[in-house]
Amino acid sequence: MNAPFAGVLLLPDTSVFGSTSAVTTGDGLPVATIRRRKLSARSRFEILDATGTTLLATGAQAGFWGNKYEVMGPESQFLLSLKFSGWTGPTGRGVVSLPDGRTLATKGNWSAREFTLADGAGTPVAQLHTTSRLFSLRPGSLAFELKAPVLSVVQAVGLAQCIRAAVESATAAAAA
């Protein structure tokens, strides 16, 4: 779970009345479970193992303005942070900081739910996009294609969930 991963992760949205969703590889192998705290002002979530019993990481909004998110390991070790520009939010560019000091850049379109992740040289290393139809009961279902092993499964799930939380926050703010 903490080794570098390349491949596809499918992250379905939670059901209307649920708070958990299973994460699978592209071929259907369960790898993790996301538990979202629906009544959380800071978009808190937990990443559990595939059986839903062992905590692998937690994540939440860290910045006051909703432009920074962090993912921490079960013993509060830093796994990654995602920071968007204060002016553009998830629509513009963001920076992912990793524990080894590397950074990755994000660029996205929150209304289309399409995001690209690039390494320091600007080479695209991953893409996150929606797999949902327009009028779906699960409009936030995502596919995360990691073309290069730059993140572990736990980091990839955490990053996808941070982007999902940022998009949901931006959508709610735009509707208000």
Protein backbone atom coordinates (compact mmCIF):
# COMPACT_ATOMS: atom_id res chain seq x y z
CA MET A 1 0.00 0.00 0.00
CA ASN A 2 2.94 2.34 0.57
CA ALA A 3 5.05 1.21 -2.41
CA PRO A 4 5.03 3.37 -5.56
CA PHE A 5 2.09 2.44 -7.76
CA ALA A 6 1.34 2.74 -11.48
CA GLY A 7 -2.04 1.75 -12.86
CA VAL A 8 -5.70 2.71 -12.55
CA LEU A 9 -7.64 3.25 -9.34
CA LEU A 10 -11.44 3.50 -9.42
CA LEU A 11 -12.97 5.66 -6.68
CA PRO A 12 -16.77 5.51 -6.72
CA ASP A 13 -18.73 8.23 -4.99
CA THR A 14 -20.59 7.23 -1.83
CA SER A 15 -24.23 6.29 -2.18
CA VAL A 16 -26.80 8.92 -1.29
CA PHE A 17 -27.22 7.59 2.25
CA GLY A 18 -23.78 6.01 2.69
CA SER A 19 -20.48 7.29 4.01
CA THR A 20 -18.07 4.66 2.65
CA SER A 21 -16.95 3.56 -0.79
CA ALA A 22 -14.58 0.83 -1.93
CA VAL A 23 -11.52 1.72 -4.01
CA THR A 24 -10.48 -0.86 -6.60
CA THR A 25 -7.82 -1.24 -9.25
CA GLY A 26 -8.89 -1.04 -12.88
CA ASP A 27 -9.41 -4.82 -12.95
CA GLY A 28 -11.69 -4.79 -9.89
CA LEU A 29 -9.25 -5.80 -7.12
CA PRO A 30 -10.28 -4.03 -3.85
CA VAL A 31 -7.37 -2.04 -2.39
CA ALA A 32 -8.91 0.41 0.10
CA THR A 33 -12.07 1.90 1.55
CA ILE A 34 -12.80 5.61 1.93
CA ARG A 35 -14.93 6.72 4.86
CA ARG A 36 -16.14 10.29 4.57
CA ARG A 37 -17.28 12.38 7.51
CA LYS A 38 -20.39 13.91 5.95
CA LEU A 39 -21.06 16.44 8.70
CA SER A 40 -17.52 17.74 8.82
CA ALA A 41 -16.79 21.39 8.08
CA ARG A 42 -13.20 20.48 7.12
CA SER A 43 -14.04 17.67 4.65
CA ARG A 44 -12.53 14.98 6.86
CA PHE A 45 -12.03 11.48 5.50
CA GLU A 46 -10.30 8.24 6.43
CA ILE A 47 -8.59 5.71 4.19
CA LEU A 48 -8.96 2.16 5.46
CA ASP A 49 -7.68 -1.15 4.12
CA ALA A 50 -9.87 -3.08 1.67
CA THR A 51 -11.71 -4.84 4.51
CA GLY A 52 -12.46 -1.51 6.20
CA THR A 53 -10.81 -2.50 9.49
CA THR A 54 -7.30 -0.96 9.52
CA LEU A 55 -6.71 2.79 9.35
CA LEU A 56 -4.15 3.67 6.66
CA ALA A 57 -4.48 7.47 6.57
CA THR A 58 -6.65 10.46 7.40
CA GLY A 59 -7.20 13.64 5.45
CA ALA A 60 -8.86 17.00 5.86
CA GLN A 61 -8.93 20.59 4.78
CA ALA A 62 -6.02 22.37 6.46
CA GLY A 63 -6.32 25.94 5.24
CA PHE A 64 -8.92 28.38 6.49
CA TRP A 65 -10.00 29.34 2.97
CA GLY A 66 -10.40 25.78 1.71
CA ASN A 67 -7.34 25.91 -0.52
CA LYS A 68 -5.09 23.48 1.38
CA TYR A 69 -5.64 19.81 2.19
CA GLU A 70 -3.41 17.35 4.03
CA VAL A 71 -3.17 13.56 4.24
CA MET A 72 -1.52 12.01 7.28
CA GLY A 73 -0.59 8.42 8.11
CA PRO A 74 -2.13 6.51 11.05
CA GLU A 75 0.59 7.75 13.40
CA SER A 76 0.30 11.36 12.16
CA GLN A 77 3.17 11.02 9.69
CA PHE A 78 2.96 13.44 6.75
CA LEU A 79 1.95 11.72 3.48
CA LEU A 80 1.12 14.71 1.27
CA SER A 81 -0.40 18.15 1.06
CA LEU A 82 -2.33 19.77 -1.77
CA LYS A 83 -2.45 23.54 -2.02
CA PHE A 84 -4.45 25.45 -4.61
CA SER A 85 -4.00 29.09 -5.52
CA GLY A 86 -6.09 31.28 -3.24
CA TRP A 87 -7.77 32.91 -6.23
CA THR A 88 -8.61 29.97 -8.45
CA GLY A 89 -9.20 27.02 -6.12
CA PRO A 90 -9.37 23.64 -7.88
CA THR A 91 -10.01 25.40 -11.23
CA GLY A 92 -6.42 26.53 -11.53
CA ARG A 93 -3.06 25.19 -10.63
CA GLY A 94 -2.12 23.43 -7.43
CA VAL A 95 0.99 22.00 -5.80
CA VAL A 96 1.26 18.56 -4.21
CA SER A 97 4.09 18.32 -1.64
CA LEU A 98 5.43 14.87 -0.78
CA PRO A 99 7.39 13.71 2.31
CA ASP A 100 10.66 13.35 0.38
CA GLY A 101 10.56 17.02 -0.69
CA ARG A 102 9.37 16.39 -4.25
CA THR A 103 6.51 18.45 -5.59
CA LEU A 104 3.98 17.67 -8.29
CA ALA A 105 1.79 20.19 -10.09
CA THR A 106 -1.95 19.88 -10.63
CA LYS A 107 -4.03 21.59 -13.24
CA GLY A 108 -7.72 21.03 -13.45
CA ASN A 109 -11.21 21.89 -14.46
CA TRP A 110 -13.52 21.39 -11.50
CA SER A 111 -16.74 21.62 -13.49
CA ALA A 112 -15.61 18.85 -15.85
CA ARG A 113 -13.76 17.03 -13.03
CA GLU A 114 -10.65 16.55 -15.14
CA PHE A 115 -7.24 16.95 -13.48
CA THR A 116 -3.68 16.37 -14.63
CA LEU A 117 -0.72 15.73 -12.34
CA ALA A 118 2.78 16.58 -13.63
CA ASP A 119 6.27 16.05 -12.22
CA GLY A 120 8.90 18.78 -11.73
CA ALA A 121 9.89 18.63 -15.42
CA GLY A 122 6.26 19.21 -16.49
CA THR A 123 5.77 15.64 -17.70
CA PRO A 124 2.20 14.39 -17.08
CA VAL A 125 2.39 11.46 -14.65
CA ALA A 126 -1.30 11.00 -13.75
CA GLN A 127 -4.83 11.94 -14.74
CA LEU A 128 -7.94 12.08 -12.60
CA HIS A 129 -11.30 12.21 -14.33
CA THR A 130 -14.95 11.55 -13.64
CA THR A 131 -16.56 8.28 -14.65
CA SER A 132 -20.10 9.44 -13.85
CA ARG A 133 -22.91 10.39 -16.16
CA LEU A 134 -24.54 13.81 -15.88
CA PHE A 135 -27.65 12.70 -13.95
CA SER A 136 -26.11 9.86 -11.97
CA LEU A 137 -26.91 8.98 -8.36
CA ARG A 138 -23.14 8.95 -7.82
CA PRO A 139 -21.92 12.04 -9.69
CA GLY A 140 -18.49 12.10 -8.05
CA SER A 141 -17.16 8.71 -9.17
CA LEU A 142 -13.55 9.02 -10.33
CA ALA A 143 -10.82 7.12 -12.15
CA PHE A 144 -7.20 7.95 -11.25
CA GLU A 145 -4.72 6.77 -13.88
CA LEU A 146 -1.14 6.85 -12.58
CA LYS A 147 1.12 6.60 -15.62
CA ALA A 148 4.32 6.65 -13.53
CA PRO A 149 4.97 5.31 -10.00
CA VAL A 150 5.16 8.70 -8.27
CA LEU A 151 2.63 7.97 -5.50
CA SER A 152 1.69 5.00 -3.35
CA VAL A 153 -1.88 3.67 -3.41
CA VAL A 154 -2.59 5.41 -0.09
CA GLN A 155 -1.17 8.72 -1.36
CA ALA A 156 -3.09 8.43 -4.65
CA VAL A 157 -6.39 7.71 -2.88
CA GLY A 158 -5.71 10.56 -0.45
CA LEU A 159 -4.91 13.00 -3.25
CA ALA A 160 -8.01 12.01 -5.23
CA GLN A 161 -10.14 12.47 -2.12
CA CYS A 162 -8.57 15.90 -1.44
CA ILE A 163 -9.37 17.00 -5.00
CA ARG A 164 -12.91 15.61 -4.64
CA ALA A 165 -13.35 17.59 -1.39
CA ALA A 166 -12.02 20.78 -3.00
CA VAL A 167 -14.38 20.39 -5.96
CA GLU A 168 -17.35 19.77 -3.66
CA SER A 169 -16.42 22.84 -1.65
CA ALA A 170 -16.11 24.98 -4.80
CA THR A 171 -19.41 23.64 -6.14
CA ALA A 172 -21.21 24.41 -2.86
CA ALA A 173 -19.71 27.93 -2.77
CA ALA A 174 -20.76 28.58 -6.38
CA ALA A 175 -24.32 27.44 -5.62
CA ALA A 176 -24.64 29.68 -2.56
